[in-house]
Amino acid sequence: EKFAQKLEKVKVEKSGTFVFYRGKVNNYPVIVAKTGKGMEN
């Protein structure tokens, strides 16, 4: 979430338990994914 806070123009999308923060860094698209712990997740 610290990295997600650095993104510009953030949109939050969820799928299952996964959270994706879609935004930009220096006007380039970057997505931060909070995956959950473990190999399967």
Full PDB file with SEQRES, HELIX, SHEET, SSBOND, CRYST1, ORIGX, SCALE, CONECT and MASTER records, all heavy atoms in Angstrom:
SEQRES   1 A   41  GLU LYS PHE ALA GLN LYS LEU GLU LYS VAL LYS VAL GLU          
SEQRES   2 A   41  LYS SER GLY THR PHE VAL PHE TYR ARG GLY LYS VAL ASN          
SEQRES   3 A   41  ASN TYR PRO VAL ILE VAL ALA LYS THR GLY LYS GLY MET          
SEQRES   4 A   41  GLU ASN                                                      
HELIX    1 AA1 ALA A    4  LYS A    6  5                                   3    
SHEET    1 AA1 3 GLU A   8  SER A  15  0                                        
SHEET    2 AA1 3 PHE A  18  VAL A  25 -1                                        
SHEET    3 AA1 3 TYR A  28  LYS A  34 -1                                        
CRYST1    1.000    1.000    1.000  90.00  90.00  90.00 P 1           1          
ORIGX1      1.000000  0.000000  0.000000        0.00000                         
ORIGX2      0.000000  1.000000  0.000000        0.00000                         
ORIGX3      0.000000  0.000000  1.000000        0.00000                         
SCALE1      1.000000  0.000000  0.000000        0.00000                         
SCALE2      0.000000  1.000000  0.000000        0.00000                         
SCALE3      0.000000  0.000000  1.000000        0.00000                         
ATOM      1  N   GLU A   1       0.795  -1.220   0.000  1.00  0.00           N  
ATOM      2  CA  GLU A   1       0.000   0.000   0.000  1.00  0.00           C  
ATOM      3  C   GLU A   1       0.835   1.283   0.000  1.00  0.00           C  
ATOM      4  O   GLU A   1       0.377   2.320  -0.482  1.00  0.00           O  
ATOM      5  CB  GLU A   1      -0.971  -0.025   1.177  1.00  0.00           C  
ATOM      6  CG  GLU A   1      -2.046  -1.107   0.992  1.00  0.00           C  
ATOM      7  CD  GLU A   1      -2.997  -1.222   2.159  1.00  0.00           C  
ATOM      8  OE1 GLU A   1      -2.794  -0.534   3.186  1.00  0.00           O  
ATOM      9  OE2 GLU A   1      -3.958  -2.024   2.049  1.00  0.00           O  
ATOM     10  N   LYS A   2       2.055   1.236   0.519  1.00  0.00           N  
ATOM     11  CA  LYS A   2       2.928   2.409   0.470  1.00  0.00           C  
ATOM     12  C   LYS A   2       3.241   2.757  -0.978  1.00  0.00           C  
ATOM     13  O   LYS A   2       3.228   3.929  -1.369  1.00  0.00           O  
ATOM     14  CB  LYS A   2       4.225   2.131   1.237  1.00  0.00           C  
ATOM     15  CG  LYS A   2       5.259   3.272   1.145  1.00  0.00           C  
ATOM     16  CD  LYS A   2       5.094   4.258   2.244  1.00  0.00           C  
ATOM     17  CE  LYS A   2       6.045   5.459   2.077  1.00  0.00           C  
ATOM     18  NZ  LYS A   2       7.413   5.186   2.538  1.00  0.00           N  
ATOM     19  N   PHE A   3       3.523   1.743  -1.792  1.00  0.00           N  
ATOM     20  CA  PHE A   3       3.801   1.988  -3.210  1.00  0.00           C  
ATOM     21  C   PHE A   3       2.544   2.479  -3.912  1.00  0.00           C  
ATOM     22  O   PHE A   3       2.598   3.388  -4.739  1.00  0.00           O  
ATOM     23  CB  PHE A   3       4.333   0.718  -3.886  1.00  0.00           C  
ATOM     24  CG  PHE A   3       5.025   0.984  -5.186  1.00  0.00           C  
ATOM     25  CD1 PHE A   3       6.397   0.826  -5.311  1.00  0.00           C  
ATOM     26  CD2 PHE A   3       4.318   1.412  -6.314  1.00  0.00           C  
ATOM     27  CE1 PHE A   3       7.046   1.080  -6.511  1.00  0.00           C  
ATOM     28  CE2 PHE A   3       4.961   1.675  -7.513  1.00  0.00           C  
ATOM     29  CZ  PHE A   3       6.325   1.509  -7.610  1.00  0.00           C  
ATOM     30  N   ALA A   4       1.407   1.875  -3.594  1.00  0.00           N  
ATOM     31  CA  ALA A   4       0.152   2.288  -4.230  1.00  0.00           C  
ATOM     32  C   ALA A   4      -0.143   3.763  -3.980  1.00  0.00           C  
ATOM     33  O   ALA A   4      -0.710   4.447  -4.845  1.00  0.00           O  
ATOM     34  CB  ALA A   4      -0.997   1.421  -3.715  1.00  0.00           C  
ATOM     35  N   GLN A   5       0.256   4.271  -2.834  1.00  0.00           N  
ATOM     36  CA  GLN A   5       0.036   5.673  -2.512  1.00  0.00           C  
ATOM     37  C   GLN A   5       0.877   6.609  -3.377  1.00  0.00           C  
ATOM     38  O   GLN A   5       0.573   7.801  -3.488  1.00  0.00           O  
ATOM     39  CB  GLN A   5       0.341   5.925  -1.032  1.00  0.00           C  
ATOM     40  CG  GLN A   5      -0.648   5.274  -0.083  1.00  0.00           C  
ATOM     41  CD  GLN A   5      -0.203   5.311   1.359  1.00  0.00           C  
ATOM     42  OE1 GLN A   5       0.837   5.905   1.696  1.00  0.00           O  
ATOM     43  NE2 GLN A   5      -0.966   4.677   2.241  1.00  0.00           N  
ATOM     44  N   LYS A   6       1.913   6.079  -3.999  1.00  0.00           N  
ATOM     45  CA  LYS A   6       2.781   6.884  -4.850  1.00  0.00           C  
ATOM     46  C   LYS A   6       2.230   7.029  -6.280  1.00  0.00           C  
ATOM     47  O   LYS A   6       2.711   7.842  -7.051  1.00  0.00           O  
ATOM     48  CB  LYS A   6       4.178   6.255  -4.929  1.00  0.00           C  
ATOM     49  CG  LYS A   6       4.925   6.204  -3.604  1.00  0.00           C  
ATOM     50  CD  LYS A   6       6.247   5.466  -3.765  1.00  0.00           C  
ATOM     51  CE  LYS A   6       7.006   5.359  -2.458  1.00  0.00           C  
ATOM     52  NZ  LYS A   6       7.507   6.667  -1.983  1.00  0.00           N  
ATOM     53  N   LEU A   7       1.225   6.223  -6.624  1.00  0.00           N  
ATOM     54  CA  LEU A   7       0.684   6.251  -7.974  1.00  0.00           C  
ATOM     55  C   LEU A   7      -0.175   7.490  -8.207  1.00  0.00           C  
ATOM     56  O   LEU A   7      -0.819   8.005  -7.292  1.00  0.00           O  
ATOM     57  CB  LEU A   7      -0.162   5.002  -8.232  1.00  0.00           C  
ATOM     58  CG  LEU A   7       0.540   3.644  -8.144  1.00  0.00           C  
ATOM     59  CD1 LEU A   7      -0.464   2.527  -8.385  1.00  0.00           C  
ATOM     60  CD2 LEU A   7       1.696   3.558  -9.121  1.00  0.00           C  
ATOM     61  N   GLU A   8      -0.200   7.931  -9.448  1.00  0.00           N  
ATOM     62  CA  GLU A   8      -1.071   9.036  -9.853  1.00  0.00           C  
ATOM     63  C   GLU A   8      -2.326   8.455 -10.509  1.00  0.00           C  
ATOM     64  O   GLU A   8      -2.278   7.417 -11.154  1.00  0.00           O  
ATOM     65  CB  GLU A   8      -0.329   9.945 -10.852  1.00  0.00           C  
ATOM     66  CG  GLU A   8       1.036  10.418 -10.363  1.00  0.00           C  
ATOM     67  CD  GLU A   8       1.986  10.720 -11.513  1.00  0.00           C  
ATOM     68  OE1 GLU A   8       1.557  10.679 -12.695  1.00  0.00           O  
ATOM     69  OE2 GLU A   8       3.171  10.981 -11.231  1.00  0.00           O  
ATOM     70  N   LYS A   9      -3.447   9.149 -10.330  1.00  0.00           N  
ATOM     71  CA  LYS A   9      -4.717   8.794 -10.988  1.00  0.00           C  
ATOM     72  C   LYS A   9      -5.089   7.332 -10.730  1.00  0.00           C  
ATOM     73  O   LYS A   9      -5.294   6.541 -11.651  1.00  0.00           O  
ATOM     74  CB  LYS A   9      -4.637   9.062 -12.492  1.00  0.00           C  
ATOM     75  CG  LYS A   9      -4.304  10.501 -12.850  1.00  0.00           C  
ATOM     76  CD  LYS A   9      -4.166  10.688 -14.347  1.00  0.00           C  
ATOM     77  CE  LYS A   9      -3.800  12.135 -14.693  1.00  0.00           C  
ATOM     78  NZ  LYS A   9      -3.625  12.321 -16.149  1.00  0.00           N  
ATOM     79  N   VAL A  10      -5.194   6.971  -9.468  1.00  0.00           N  
ATOM     80  CA  VAL A  10      -5.373   5.577  -9.085  1.00  0.00           C  
ATOM     81  C   VAL A  10      -6.827   5.125  -9.231  1.00  0.00           C  
ATOM     82  O   VAL A  10      -7.756   5.837  -8.864  1.00  0.00           O  
ATOM     83  CB  VAL A  10      -4.925   5.354  -7.630  1.00  0.00           C  
ATOM     84  CG1 VAL A  10      -5.132   3.900  -7.215  1.00  0.00           C  
ATOM     85  CG2 VAL A  10      -3.462   5.740  -7.467  1.00  0.00           C  
ATOM     86  N   LYS A  11      -6.992   3.941  -9.791  1.00  0.00           N  
ATOM     87  CA  LYS A  11      -8.267   3.235  -9.811  1.00  0.00           C  
ATOM     88  C   LYS A  11      -8.066   1.898  -9.114  1.00  0.00           C  
ATOM     89  O   LYS A  11      -7.092   1.197  -9.392  1.00  0.00           O  
ATOM     90  CB  LYS A  11      -8.748   3.005 -11.255  1.00  0.00           C  
ATOM     91  CG  LYS A  11      -9.069   4.277 -12.024  1.00  0.00           C  
ATOM     92  CD  LYS A  11      -9.525   3.926 -13.437  1.00  0.00           C  
ATOM     93  CE  LYS A  11      -9.831   5.180 -14.244  1.00  0.00           C  
ATOM     94  NZ  LYS A  11     -10.256   4.838 -15.641  1.00  0.00           N  
ATOM     95  N   VAL A  12      -8.973   1.555  -8.216  1.00  0.00           N  
ATOM     96  CA  VAL A  12      -8.859   0.300  -7.473  1.00  0.00           C  
ATOM     97  C   VAL A  12      -9.793  -0.734  -8.087  1.00  0.00           C  
ATOM     98  O   VAL A  12     -10.986  -0.481  -8.270  1.00  0.00           O  
ATOM     99  CB  VAL A  12      -9.205   0.494  -5.985  1.00  0.00           C  
ATOM    100  CG1 VAL A  12      -9.078  -0.829  -5.231  1.00  0.00           C  
ATOM    101  CG2 VAL A  12      -8.297   1.553  -5.357  1.00  0.00           C  
ATOM    102  N   GLU A  13      -9.227  -1.897  -8.426  1.00  0.00           N  
ATOM    103  CA  GLU A  13     -10.014  -2.993  -8.982  1.00  0.00           C  
ATOM    104  C   GLU A  13      -9.778  -4.246  -8.139  1.00  0.00           C  
ATOM    105  O   GLU A  13      -8.665  -4.483  -7.666  1.00  0.00           O  
ATOM    106  CB  GLU A  13      -9.633  -3.252 -10.438  1.00  0.00           C  
ATOM    107  CG  GLU A  13      -9.905  -2.069 -11.350  1.00  0.00           C  
ATOM    108  CD  GLU A  13      -9.515  -2.320 -12.809  1.00  0.00           C  
ATOM    109  OE1 GLU A  13      -8.980  -3.414 -13.098  1.00  0.00           O  
ATOM    110  OE2 GLU A  13      -9.744  -1.428 -13.635  1.00  0.00           O  
ATOM    111  N   LYS A  14     -10.829  -5.029  -7.962  1.00  0.00           N  
ATOM    112  CA  LYS A  14     -10.725  -6.245  -7.161  1.00  0.00           C  
ATOM    113  C   LYS A  14     -11.190  -7.451  -7.964  1.00  0.00           C  
ATOM    114  O   LYS A  14     -12.112  -7.358  -8.765  1.00  0.00           O  
ATOM    115  CB  LYS A  14     -11.564  -6.117  -5.886  1.00  0.00           C  
ATOM    116  CG  LYS A  14     -11.085  -5.021  -4.944  1.00  0.00           C  
ATOM    117  CD  LYS A  14     -11.937  -4.947  -3.697  1.00  0.00           C  
ATOM    118  CE  LYS A  14     -11.448  -3.850  -2.761  1.00  0.00           C  
ATOM    119  NZ  LYS A  14     -12.264  -3.778  -1.523  1.00  0.00           N  
ATOM    120  N   SER A  15     -10.537  -8.570  -7.710  1.00  0.00           N  
ATOM    121  CA  SER A  15     -10.947  -9.831  -8.317  1.00  0.00           C  
ATOM    122  C   SER A  15     -10.657 -10.925  -7.296  1.00  0.00           C  
ATOM    123  O   SER A  15      -9.504 -11.148  -6.936  1.00  0.00           O  
ATOM    124  CB  SER A  15     -10.189 -10.091  -9.622  1.00  0.00           C  
ATOM    125  OG  SER A  15     -10.629 -11.274 -10.242  1.00  0.00           O  
ATOM    126  N   GLY A  16     -11.711 -11.565  -6.804  1.00  0.00           N  
ATOM    127  CA  GLY A  16     -11.515 -12.501  -5.704  1.00  0.00           C  
ATOM    128  C   GLY A  16     -10.980 -11.750  -4.499  1.00  0.00           C  
ATOM    129  O   GLY A  16     -11.473 -10.689  -4.128  1.00  0.00           O  
ATOM    130  N   THR A  17      -9.931 -12.284  -3.898  1.00  0.00           N  
ATOM    131  CA  THR A  17      -9.298 -11.601  -2.758  1.00  0.00           C  
ATOM    132  C   THR A  17      -8.179 -10.664  -3.188  1.00  0.00           C  
ATOM    133  O   THR A  17      -7.561 -10.008  -2.349  1.00  0.00           O  
ATOM    134  CB  THR A  17      -8.717 -12.630  -1.774  1.00  0.00           C  
ATOM    135  OG1 THR A  17      -7.734 -13.434  -2.458  1.00  0.00           O  
ATOM    136  CG2 THR A  17      -9.805 -13.538  -1.208  1.00  0.00           C  
ATOM    137  N   PHE A  18      -7.907 -10.593  -4.484  1.00  0.00           N  
ATOM    138  CA  PHE A  18      -6.797  -9.802  -4.990  1.00  0.00           C  
ATOM    139  C   PHE A  18      -7.231  -8.354  -5.251  1.00  0.00           C  
ATOM    140  O   PHE A  18      -8.325  -8.109  -5.754  1.00  0.00           O  
ATOM    141  CB  PHE A  18      -6.225 -10.413  -6.266  1.00  0.00           C  
ATOM    142  CG  PHE A  18      -5.990 -11.898  -6.150  1.00  0.00           C  
ATOM    143  CD1 PHE A  18      -6.569 -12.784  -7.043  1.00  0.00           C  
ATOM    144  CD2 PHE A  18      -5.198 -12.419  -5.136  1.00  0.00           C  
ATOM    145  CE1 PHE A  18      -6.374 -14.148  -6.925  1.00  0.00           C  
ATOM    146  CE2 PHE A  18      -4.998 -13.776  -5.003  1.00  0.00           C  
ATOM    147  CZ  PHE A  18      -5.587 -14.652  -5.906  1.00  0.00           C  
ATOM    148  N   VAL A  19      -6.334  -7.417  -4.924  1.00  0.00           N  
ATOM    149  CA  VAL A  19      -6.615  -6.001  -5.118  1.00  0.00           C  
ATOM    150  C   VAL A  19      -5.561  -5.431  -6.063  1.00  0.00           C  
ATOM    151  O   VAL A  19      -4.355  -5.639  -5.865  1.00  0.00           O  
ATOM    152  CB  VAL A  19      -6.601  -5.229  -3.786  1.00  0.00           C  
ATOM    153  CG1 VAL A  19      -6.963  -3.758  -4.017  1.00  0.00           C  
ATOM    154  CG2 VAL A  19      -7.558  -5.864  -2.791  1.00  0.00           C  
ATOM    155  N   PHE A  20      -6.016  -4.703  -7.084  1.00  0.00           N  
ATOM    156  CA  PHE A  20      -5.120  -4.095  -8.059  1.00  0.00           C  
ATOM    157  C   PHE A  20      -5.314  -2.579  -8.044  1.00  0.00           C  
ATOM    158  O   PHE A  20      -6.423  -2.089  -8.228  1.00  0.00           O  
ATOM    159  CB  PHE A  20      -5.392  -4.635  -9.467  1.00  0.00           C  
ATOM    160  CG  PHE A  20      -5.212  -6.125  -9.588  1.00  0.00           C  
ATOM    161  CD1 PHE A  20      -6.301  -6.983  -9.482  1.00  0.00           C  
ATOM    162  CD2 PHE A  20      -3.954  -6.672  -9.784  1.00  0.00           C  
ATOM    163  CE1 PHE A  20      -6.152  -8.356  -9.568  1.00  0.00           C  
ATOM    164  CE2 PHE A  20      -3.789  -8.053  -9.877  1.00  0.00           C  
ATOM    165  CZ  PHE A  20      -4.881  -8.892  -9.772  1.00  0.00           C  
ATOM    166  N   TYR A  21      -4.233  -1.863  -7.802  1.00  0.00           N  
ATOM    167  CA  TYR A  21      -4.247  -0.406  -7.828  1.00  0.00           C  
ATOM    168  C   TYR A  21      -3.657   0.039  -9.163  1.00  0.00           C  
ATOM    169  O   TYR A  21      -2.446  -0.071  -9.390  1.00  0.00           O  
ATOM    170  CB  TYR A  21      -3.418   0.168  -6.678  1.00  0.00           C  
ATOM    171  CG  TYR A  21      -3.869  -0.281  -5.301  1.00  0.00           C  
ATOM    172  CD1 TYR A  21      -3.361  -1.461  -4.734  1.00  0.00           C  
ATOM    173  CD2 TYR A  21      -4.780   0.463  -4.568  1.00  0.00           C  
ATOM    174  CE1 TYR A  21      -3.765  -1.871  -3.471  1.00  0.00           C  
ATOM    175  CE2 TYR A  21      -5.185   0.058  -3.295  1.00  0.00           C  
ATOM    176  CZ  TYR A  21      -4.671  -1.115  -2.759  1.00  0.00           C  
ATOM    177  OH  TYR A  21      -5.070  -1.525  -1.507  1.00  0.00           O  
ATOM    178  N   ARG A  22      -4.512   0.529 -10.047  1.00  0.00           N  
ATOM    179  CA  ARG A  22      -4.065   0.957 -11.376  1.00  0.00           C  
ATOM    180  C   ARG A  22      -3.809   2.458 -11.378  1.00  0.00           C  
ATOM    181  O   ARG A  22      -4.675   3.245 -11.017  1.00  0.00           O  
ATOM    182  CB  ARG A  22      -5.122   0.625 -12.433  1.00  0.00           C  
ATOM    183  CG  ARG A  22      -5.386  -0.856 -12.596  1.00  0.00           C  
ATOM    184  CD  ARG A  22      -6.425  -1.098 -13.675  1.00  0.00           C  
ATOM    185  NE  ARG A  22      -5.983  -0.633 -14.976  1.00  0.00           N  
ATOM    186  CZ  ARG A  22      -6.753  -0.514 -16.045  1.00  0.00           C  
ATOM    187  NH1 ARG A  22      -8.040  -0.821 -15.949  1.00  0.00           N  
ATOM    188  NH2 ARG A  22      -6.264  -0.104 -17.190  1.00  0.00           N  
ATOM    189  N   GLY A  23      -2.617   2.846 -11.769  1.00  0.00           N  
ATOM    190  CA  GLY A  23      -2.274   4.260 -11.804  1.00  0.00           C  
ATOM    191  C   GLY A  23      -1.097   4.511 -12.722  1.00  0.00           C  
ATOM    192  O   GLY A  23      -0.835   3.725 -13.639  1.00  0.00           O  
ATOM    193  N   LYS A  24      -0.383   5.596 -12.454  1.00  0.00           N  
ATOM    194  CA  LYS A  24       0.749   5.957 -13.310  1.00  0.00           C  
ATOM    195  C   LYS A  24       1.922   6.451 -12.467  1.00  0.00           C  
ATOM    196  O   LYS A  24       1.737   7.019 -11.387  1.00  0.00           O  
ATOM    197  CB  LYS A  24       0.337   7.025 -14.317  1.00  0.00           C  
ATOM    198  CG  LYS A  24      -0.647   6.524 -15.367  1.00  0.00           C  
ATOM    199  CD  LYS A  24      -0.876   7.538 -16.471  1.00  0.00           C  
ATOM    200  CE  LYS A  24      -1.791   6.971 -17.553  1.00  0.00           C  
ATOM    201  NZ  LYS A  24      -1.987   7.915 -18.671  1.00  0.00           N  
ATOM    202  N   VAL A  25       3.116   6.223 -12.998  1.00  0.00           N  
ATOM    203  CA  VAL A  25       4.344   6.798 -12.472  1.00  0.00           C  
ATOM    204  C   VAL A  25       5.014   7.511 -13.630  1.00  0.00           C  
ATOM    205  O   VAL A  25       5.267   6.894 -14.680  1.00  0.00           O  
ATOM    206  CB  VAL A  25       5.283   5.711 -11.892  1.00  0.00           C  
ATOM    207  CG1 VAL A  25       6.635   6.317 -11.536  1.00  0.00           C  
ATOM    208  CG2 VAL A  25       4.659   5.054 -10.665  1.00  0.00           C  
ATOM    209  N   ASN A  26       5.252   8.796 -13.470  1.00  0.00           N  
ATOM    210  CA  ASN A  26       5.822   9.591 -14.567  1.00  0.00           C  
ATOM    211  C   ASN A  26       5.024   9.410 -15.862  1.00  0.00           C  
ATOM    212  O   ASN A  26       5.587   9.244 -16.945  1.00  0.00           O  
ATOM    213  CB  ASN A  26       7.291   9.254 -14.786  1.00  0.00           C  
ATOM    214  CG  ASN A  26       8.177   9.745 -13.653  1.00  0.00           C  
ATOM    215  OD1 ASN A  26       7.720  10.474 -12.770  1.00  0.00           O  
ATOM    216  ND2 ASN A  26       9.434   9.350 -13.663  1.00  0.00           N  
ATOM    217  N   ASN A  27       3.710   9.382 -15.704  1.00  0.00           N  
ATOM    218  CA  ASN A  27       2.762   9.267 -16.825  1.00  0.00           C  
ATOM    219  C   ASN A  27       2.842   7.927 -17.551  1.00  0.00           C  
ATOM    220  O   ASN A  27       2.364   7.790 -18.680  1.00  0.00           O  
ATOM    221  CB  ASN A  27       2.952  10.420 -17.828  1.00  0.00           C  
ATOM    222  CG  ASN A  27       1.679  10.708 -18.596  1.00  0.00           C  
ATOM    223  OD1 ASN A  27       0.575  10.611 -18.060  1.00  0.00           O  
ATOM    224  ND2 ASN A  27       1.806  11.052 -19.856  1.00  0.00           N  
ATOM    225  N   TYR A  28       3.430   6.918 -16.894  1.00  0.00           N  
ATOM    226  CA  TYR A  28       3.501   5.574 -17.469  1.00  0.00           C  
ATOM    227  C   TYR A  28       2.636   4.647 -16.615  1.00  0.00           C  
ATOM    228  O   TYR A  28       2.662   4.719 -15.384  1.00  0.00           O  
ATOM    229  CB  TYR A  28       4.949   5.065 -17.494  1.00  0.00           C  
ATOM    230  CG  TYR A  28       5.119   3.784 -18.283  1.00  0.00           C  
ATOM    231  CD1 TYR A  28       5.477   3.818 -19.625  1.00  0.00           C  
ATOM    232  CD2 TYR A  28       4.893   2.546 -17.691  1.00  0.00           C  
ATOM    233  CE1 TYR A  28       5.608   2.639 -20.360  1.00  0.00           C  
ATOM    234  CE2 TYR A  28       5.015   1.369 -18.414  1.00  0.00           C  
ATOM    235  CZ  TYR A  28       5.370   1.424 -19.750  1.00  0.00           C  
ATOM    236  OH  TYR A  28       5.490   0.258 -20.469  1.00  0.00           O  
ATOM    237  N   PRO A  29       1.857   3.743 -17.228  1.00  0.00           N  
ATOM    238  CA  PRO A  29       0.954   2.879 -16.446  1.00  0.00           C  
ATOM    239  C   PRO A  29       1.692   1.885 -15.554  1.00  0.00           C  
ATOM    240  O   PRO A  29       2.585   1.160 -16.006  1.00  0.00           O  
ATOM    241  CB  PRO A  29       0.134   2.153 -17.523  1.00  0.00           C  
ATOM    242  CG  PRO A  29       0.958   2.237 -18.767  1.00  0.00           C  
ATOM    243  CD  PRO A  29       1.715   3.529 -18.683  1.00  0.00           C  
ATOM    244  N   VAL A  30       1.324   1.897 -14.292  1.00  0.00           N  
ATOM    245  CA  VAL A  30       1.887   0.984 -13.293  1.00  0.00           C  
ATOM    246  C   VAL A  30       0.734   0.436 -12.464  1.00  0.00           C  
ATOM    247  O   VAL A  30      -0.188   1.166 -12.104  1.00  0.00           O  
ATOM    248  CB  VAL A  30       2.900   1.709 -12.382  1.00  0.00           C  
ATOM    249  CG1 VAL A  30       3.365   0.776 -11.253  1.00  0.00           C  
ATOM    250  CG2 VAL A  30       4.092   2.216 -13.182  1.00  0.00           C  
ATOM    251  N   ILE A  31       0.786  -0.855 -12.179  1.00  0.00           N  
ATOM    252  CA  ILE A  31      -0.247  -1.508 -11.372  1.00  0.00           C  
ATOM    253  C   ILE A  31       0.406  -2.135 -10.148  1.00  0.00           C  
ATOM    254  O   ILE A  31       1.400  -2.858 -10.264  1.00  0.00           O  
ATOM    255  CB  ILE A  31      -0.977  -2.602 -12.175  1.00  0.00           C  
ATOM    256  CG1 ILE A  31      -1.663  -2.000 -13.403  1.00  0.00           C  
ATOM    257  CG2 ILE A  31      -2.000  -3.325 -11.301  1.00  0.00           C  
ATOM    258  CD1 ILE A  31      -2.207  -3.032 -14.365  1.00  0.00           C  
ATOM    259  N   VAL A  32      -0.131  -1.832  -8.989  1.00  0.00           N  
ATOM    260  CA  VAL A  32       0.312  -2.480  -7.756  1.00  0.00           C  
ATOM    261  C   VAL A  32      -0.709  -3.550  -7.389  1.00  0.00           C  
ATOM    262  O   VAL A  32      -1.907  -3.265  -7.288  1.00  0.00           O  
ATOM    263  CB  VAL A  32       0.456  -1.467  -6.606  1.00  0.00           C  
ATOM    264  CG1 VAL A  32       0.790  -2.196  -5.302  1.00  0.00           C  
ATOM    265  CG2 VAL A  32       1.534  -0.435  -6.925  1.00  0.00           C  
ATOM    266  N   ALA A  33      -0.234  -4.770  -7.221  1.00  0.00           N  
ATOM    267  CA  ALA A  33      -1.113  -5.889  -6.874  1.00  0.00           C  
ATOM    268  C   ALA A  33      -0.851  -6.328  -5.444  1.00  0.00           C  
ATOM    269  O   ALA A  33       0.284  -6.650  -5.086  1.00  0.00           O  
ATOM    270  CB  ALA A  33      -0.887  -7.055  -7.827  1.00  0.00           C  
ATOM    271  N   LYS A  34      -1.896  -6.315  -4.628  1.00  0.00           N  
ATOM    272  CA  LYS A  34      -1.809  -6.900  -3.291  1.00  0.00           C  
ATOM    273  C   LYS A  34      -2.256  -8.347  -3.435  1.00  0.00           C  
ATOM    274  O   LYS A  34      -3.440  -8.645  -3.547  1.00  0.00           O  
ATOM    275  CB  LYS A  34      -2.683  -6.116  -2.317  1.00  0.00           C  
ATOM    276  CG  LYS A  34      -2.528  -6.548  -0.870  1.00  0.00           C  
ATOM    277  CD  LYS A  34      -3.126  -5.524   0.107  1.00  0.00           C  
ATOM    278  CE  LYS A  34      -4.592  -5.282  -0.158  1.00  0.00           C  
ATOM    279  NZ  LYS A  34      -5.191  -4.347   0.818  1.00  0.00           N  
ATOM    280  N   THR A  35      -1.292  -9.260  -3.440  1.00  0.00           N  
ATOM    281  CA  THR A  35      -1.548 -10.642  -3.832  1.00  0.00           C  
ATOM    282  C   THR A  35      -2.044 -11.530  -2.701  1.00  0.00           C  
ATOM    283  O   THR A  35      -2.663 -12.564  -2.942  1.00  0.00           O  
ATOM    284  CB  THR A  35      -0.272 -11.285  -4.399  1.00  0.00           C  
ATOM    285  OG1 THR A  35       0.722 -11.349  -3.363  1.00  0.00           O  
ATOM    286  CG2 THR A  35       0.272 -10.502  -5.573  1.00  0.00           C  
ATOM    287  N   GLY A  36      -1.747 -11.142  -1.466  1.00  0.00           N  
ATOM    288  CA  GLY A  36      -1.943 -12.082  -0.370  1.00  0.00           C  
ATOM    289  C   GLY A  36      -0.690 -12.929  -0.204  1.00  0.00           C  
ATOM    290  O   GLY A  36       0.165 -13.017  -1.096  1.00  0.00           O  
ATOM    291  N   LYS A  37      -0.557 -13.552   0.965  1.00  0.00           N  
ATOM    292  CA  LYS A  37       0.646 -14.329   1.264  1.00  0.00           C  
ATOM    293  C   LYS A  37       0.586 -15.726   0.633  1.00  0.00           C  
ATOM    294  O   LYS A  37      -0.475 -16.287   0.436  1.00  0.00           O  
ATOM    295  CB  LYS A  37       0.807 -14.468   2.780  1.00  0.00           C  
ATOM    296  CG  LYS A  37       1.057 -13.155   3.505  1.00  0.00           C  
ATOM    297  CD  LYS A  37       1.337 -13.377   4.986  1.00  0.00           C  
ATOM    298  CE  LYS A  37       0.118 -13.843   5.738  1.00  0.00           C  
ATOM    299  NZ  LYS A  37       0.368 -13.957   7.196  1.00  0.00           N  
ATOM    300  N   GLY A  38       1.752 -16.262   0.346  1.00  0.00           N  
ATOM    301  CA  GLY A  38       1.843 -17.661  -0.064  1.00  0.00           C  
ATOM    302  C   GLY A  38       1.951 -17.879  -1.558  1.00  0.00           C  
ATOM    303  O   GLY A  38       1.628 -17.010  -2.370  1.00  0.00           O  
ATOM    304  N   MET A  39       2.397 -19.075  -1.891  1.00  0.00           N  
ATOM    305  CA  MET A  39       2.688 -19.437  -3.281  1.00  0.00           C  
ATOM    306  C   MET A  39       1.419 -19.534  -4.131  1.00  0.00           C  
ATOM    307  O   MET A  39       1.392 -19.083  -5.277  1.00  0.00           O  
ATOM    308  CB  MET A  39       3.442 -20.767  -3.309  1.00  0.00           C  
ATOM    309  CG  MET A  39       4.747 -20.768  -2.531  1.00  0.00           C  
ATOM    310  SD  MET A  39       6.090 -19.919  -3.378  1.00  0.00           S  
ATOM    311  CE  MET A  39       6.740 -21.287  -4.358  1.00  0.00           C  
ATOM    312  N   GLU A  40       0.361 -20.124  -3.568  1.00  0.00           N  
ATOM    313  CA  GLU A  40      -0.869 -20.308  -4.340  1.00  0.00           C  
ATOM    314  C   GLU A  40      -1.519 -18.967  -4.659  1.00  0.00           C  
ATOM    315  O   GLU A  40      -1.926 -18.714  -5.800  1.00  0.00           O  
ATOM    316  CB  GLU A  40      -1.850 -21.211  -3.581  1.00  0.00           C  
ATOM    317  CG  GLU A  40      -1.373 -22.654  -3.433  1.00  0.00           C  
ATOM    318  CD  GLU A  40      -0.431 -22.858  -2.263  1.00  0.00           C  
ATOM    319  OE1 GLU A  40      -0.159 -21.893  -1.520  1.00  0.00           O  
ATOM    320  OE2 GLU A  40       0.044 -23.999  -2.101  1.00  0.00           O  
ATOM    321  N   ASN A  41      -1.633 -18.114  -3.643  1.00  0.00           N  
ATOM    322  CA  ASN A  41      -2.190 -16.785  -3.868  1.00  0.00           C  
ATOM    323  C   ASN A  41      -1.407 -16.028  -4.930  1.00  0.00           C  
ATOM    324  O   ASN A  41      -1.980 -15.395  -5.824  1.00  0.00           O  
ATOM    325  CB  ASN A  41      -2.184 -15.969  -2.559  1.00  0.00           C  
ATOM    326  CG  ASN A  41      -3.385 -16.261  -1.687  1.00  0.00           C  
ATOM    327  OD1 ASN A  41      -4.455 -16.607  -2.166  1.00  0.00           O  
ATOM    328  ND2 ASN A  41      -3.213 -16.124  -0.389  1.00  0.00           N  
TER     329      ASN A  41                                                      
MASTER        0    0    0    1    3    0    0    6  328    1    0    4          
END                                                                             
